[in-house]
Amino acid sequence: MTIKKTLITSLTLGALASTPVLADSWQGKTKDAWLDGKVETAIMLNGELNNFDIDTDVDQGKVTL
């Protein structure tokens, strides 16, 4: 029983310790996806532009058309 508690405690502490490292990577990707969606929407709502001819790429907050 003690071994199970020790194992569960170790795994829990390991998961909690690695959370900040993983959070940075997904937050950057999430922010890029959000920004890409906003740019695509702005292009789509502009009647003067054809949104099918313009490709967008977002990398670390920088948008390339």
N, C-alpha and C. Protein backbone atom coordinates (compact mmCIF):
# COMPACT_ATOMS: atom_id res chain seq x y z
N MET A 1 0.82 -1.19 0.00
CA MET A 1 0.00 0.00 0.00
C MET A 1 0.87 1.25 0.00
N THR A 2 1.96 1.23 0.74
CA THR A 2 2.85 2.38 0.83
C THR A 2 3.54 2.64 -0.51
N ILE A 3 3.86 1.57 -1.22
CA ILE A 3 4.51 1.73 -2.52
C ILE A 3 3.55 2.41 -3.50
N LYS A 4 2.27 2.05 -3.46
CA LYS A 4 1.29 2.67 -4.35
C LYS A 4 1.15 4.16 -4.04
N LYS A 5 1.09 4.52 -2.78
CA LYS A 5 0.98 5.93 -2.41
C LYS A 5 2.21 6.71 -2.85
N THR A 6 3.38 6.12 -2.68
CA THR A 6 4.63 6.76 -3.07
C THR A 6 4.68 6.95 -4.58
N LEU A 7 4.27 5.94 -5.32
CA LEU A 7 4.26 6.01 -6.77
C LEU A 7 3.28 7.08 -7.27
N ILE A 8 2.08 7.08 -6.72
CA ILE A 8 1.08 8.07 -7.11
C ILE A 8 1.55 9.48 -6.77
N THR A 9 2.14 9.66 -5.62
CA THR A 9 2.66 10.98 -5.21
C THR A 9 3.77 11.42 -6.16
N SER A 10 4.66 10.51 -6.52
CA SER A 10 5.77 10.84 -7.43
C SER A 10 5.25 11.25 -8.80
N LEU A 11 4.30 10.50 -9.31
CA LEU A 11 3.74 10.81 -10.63
C LEU A 11 3.00 12.15 -10.61
N THR A 12 2.27 12.41 -9.56
CA THR A 12 1.54 13.68 -9.44
C THR A 12 2.50 14.86 -9.38
N LEU A 13 3.53 14.74 -8.56
CA LEU A 13 4.51 15.82 -8.44
C LEU A 13 5.27 16.03 -9.76
N GLY A 14 5.57 14.96 -10.45
CA GLY A 14 6.24 15.07 -11.75
C GLY A 14 5.37 15.77 -12.77
N ALA A 15 4.08 15.45 -12.78
CA ALA A 15 3.16 16.10 -13.71
C ALA A 15 3.01 17.59 -13.39
N LEU A 16 2.91 17.90 -12.12
CA LEU A 16 2.79 19.31 -11.72
C LEU A 16 4.06 20.10 -12.02
N ALA A 17 5.20 19.48 -11.89
CA ALA A 17 6.47 20.17 -12.15
C ALA A 17 6.66 20.45 -13.63
N SER A 18 6.14 19.58 -14.51
CA SER A 18 6.33 19.77 -15.95
C SER A 18 5.27 20.66 -16.57
N THR A 19 4.23 21.01 -15.85
CA THR A 19 3.14 21.82 -16.40
C THR A 19 3.60 23.18 -16.92
N PRO A 20 4.42 23.97 -16.21
CA PRO A 20 4.82 25.27 -16.75
C PRO A 20 5.59 25.17 -18.07
N VAL A 21 6.38 24.14 -18.24
CA VAL A 21 7.13 23.96 -19.49
C VAL A 21 6.16 23.69 -20.63
N LEU A 22 5.20 22.84 -20.42
CA LEU A 22 4.23 22.52 -21.46
C LEU A 22 3.29 23.69 -21.74
N ALA A 23 3.00 24.49 -20.73
CA ALA A 23 2.08 25.61 -20.90
C ALA A 23 2.65 26.65 -21.87
N ASP A 24 3.94 26.90 -21.81
CA ASP A 24 4.55 27.88 -22.71
C ASP A 24 4.41 27.46 -24.16
N SER A 25 4.59 26.19 -24.46
CA SER A 25 4.54 25.75 -25.86
C SER A 25 3.11 25.81 -26.41
N TRP A 26 2.11 25.39 -25.65
CA TRP A 26 0.76 25.42 -26.22
C TRP A 26 0.19 26.82 -26.23
N GLN A 27 0.59 27.70 -25.30
CA GLN A 27 0.07 29.07 -25.31
C GLN A 27 0.56 29.82 -26.54
N GLY A 28 1.81 29.61 -26.93
CA GLY A 28 2.32 30.26 -28.13
C GLY A 28 1.59 29.80 -29.37
N LYS A 29 1.33 28.50 -29.47
CA LYS A 29 0.61 27.96 -30.62
C LYS A 29 -0.83 28.42 -30.62
N THR A 30 -1.43 28.51 -29.44
CA THR A 30 -2.81 28.98 -29.34
C THR A 30 -2.92 30.44 -29.76
N LYS A 31 -1.97 31.25 -29.32
CA LYS A 31 -1.97 32.66 -29.69
C LYS A 31 -1.79 32.83 -31.20
N ASP A 32 -0.92 32.02 -31.80
CA ASP A 32 -0.72 32.07 -33.25
C ASP A 32 -2.00 31.67 -33.99
N ALA A 33 -2.68 30.65 -33.52
CA ALA A 33 -3.93 30.20 -34.16
C ALA A 33 -5.00 31.27 -34.03
N TRP A 34 -5.08 31.91 -32.87
CA TRP A 34 -6.06 32.98 -32.66
C TRP A 34 -5.77 34.15 -33.60
N LEU A 35 -4.50 34.52 -33.71
CA LEU A 35 -4.11 35.62 -34.58
C LEU A 35 -4.38 35.28 -36.04
N ASP A 36 -4.11 34.05 -36.44
CA ASP A 36 -4.38 33.62 -37.81
C ASP A 36 -5.87 33.71 -38.12
N GLY A 37 -6.70 33.32 -37.18
CA GLY A 37 -8.15 33.41 -37.37
C GLY A 37 -8.62 34.85 -37.52
N LYS A 38 -8.03 35.76 -36.74
CA LYS A 38 -8.42 37.17 -36.84
C LYS A 38 -8.00 37.75 -38.18
N VAL A 39 -6.81 37.42 -38.66
CA VAL A 39 -6.34 37.93 -39.95
C VAL A 39 -7.18 37.36 -41.08
N GLU A 40 -7.45 36.07 -41.04
CA GLU A 40 -8.28 35.44 -42.08
C GLU A 40 -9.68 36.07 -42.11
N THR A 41 -10.24 36.35 -40.94
CA THR A 41 -11.56 36.97 -40.87
C THR A 41 -11.54 38.38 -41.45
N ALA A 42 -10.50 39.14 -41.12
CA ALA A 42 -10.39 40.50 -41.65
C ALA A 42 -10.28 40.49 -43.16
N ILE A 43 -9.52 39.56 -43.72
CA ILE A 43 -9.39 39.47 -45.18
C ILE A 43 -10.72 39.04 -45.79
N MET A 44 -11.39 38.10 -45.16
CA MET A 44 -12.65 37.59 -45.69
C MET A 44 -13.74 38.67 -45.70
N LEU A 45 -13.76 39.52 -44.69
CA LEU A 45 -14.80 40.56 -44.59
C LEU A 45 -14.51 41.77 -45.48
N ASN A 46 -13.31 41.86 -46.02
CA ASN A 46 -12.96 42.96 -46.92
C ASN A 46 -13.47 42.62 -48.32
N GLY A 47 -14.37 43.43 -48.84
CA GLY A 47 -14.96 43.18 -50.14
C GLY A 47 -14.01 43.39 -51.29
N GLU A 48 -12.91 44.07 -51.08
CA GLU A 48 -11.94 44.35 -52.13
C GLU A 48 -10.91 43.24 -52.32
N LEU A 49 -10.82 42.33 -51.37
CA LEU A 49 -9.81 41.27 -51.43
C LEU A 49 -10.46 39.91 -51.64
N ASN A 50 -9.75 39.04 -52.33
CA ASN A 50 -10.22 37.67 -52.52
C ASN A 50 -9.48 36.80 -51.51
N ASN A 51 -10.19 36.34 -50.49
CA ASN A 51 -9.53 35.59 -49.42
C ASN A 51 -9.04 34.22 -49.87
N PHE A 52 -9.49 33.73 -51.04
CA PHE A 52 -9.00 32.45 -51.53
C PHE A 52 -7.63 32.57 -52.18
N ASP A 53 -7.25 33.78 -52.60
CA ASP A 53 -5.95 34.00 -53.22
C ASP A 53 -4.86 34.36 -52.22
N ILE A 54 -5.23 34.70 -51.00
CA ILE A 54 -4.26 35.15 -50.00
C ILE A 54 -4.11 34.08 -48.93
N ASP A 55 -2.91 33.56 -48.81
CA ASP A 55 -2.60 32.58 -47.76
C ASP A 55 -1.93 33.30 -46.60
N THR A 56 -2.29 32.93 -45.40
CA THR A 56 -1.67 33.53 -44.21
C THR A 56 -0.89 32.46 -43.46
N ASP A 57 0.21 32.90 -42.86
CA ASP A 57 1.02 32.03 -42.03
C ASP A 57 1.44 32.84 -40.81
N VAL A 58 1.27 32.28 -39.62
CA VAL A 58 1.65 32.97 -38.39
C VAL A 58 2.69 32.13 -37.68
N ASP A 59 3.81 32.77 -37.34
CA ASP A 59 4.87 32.08 -36.61
C ASP A 59 5.38 33.02 -35.52
N GLN A 60 5.15 32.66 -34.28
CA GLN A 60 5.57 33.43 -33.11
C GLN A 60 5.06 34.86 -33.17
N GLY A 61 3.80 35.02 -33.56
CA GLY A 61 3.16 36.34 -33.55
C GLY A 61 3.42 37.16 -34.80
N LYS A 62 4.17 36.64 -35.77
CA LYS A 62 4.45 37.38 -37.00
C LYS A 62 3.63 36.78 -38.13
N VAL A 63 2.86 37.63 -38.81
CA VAL A 63 1.97 37.18 -39.87
C VAL A 63 2.63 37.41 -41.23
N THR A 64 2.59 36.37 -42.05
CA THR A 64 3.08 36.49 -43.42
C THR A 64 1.92 36.23 -44.35
N LEU A 65 1.73 37.13 -45.32
CA LEU A 65 0.67 36.98 -46.31
C LEU A 65 1.27 36.49 -47.62
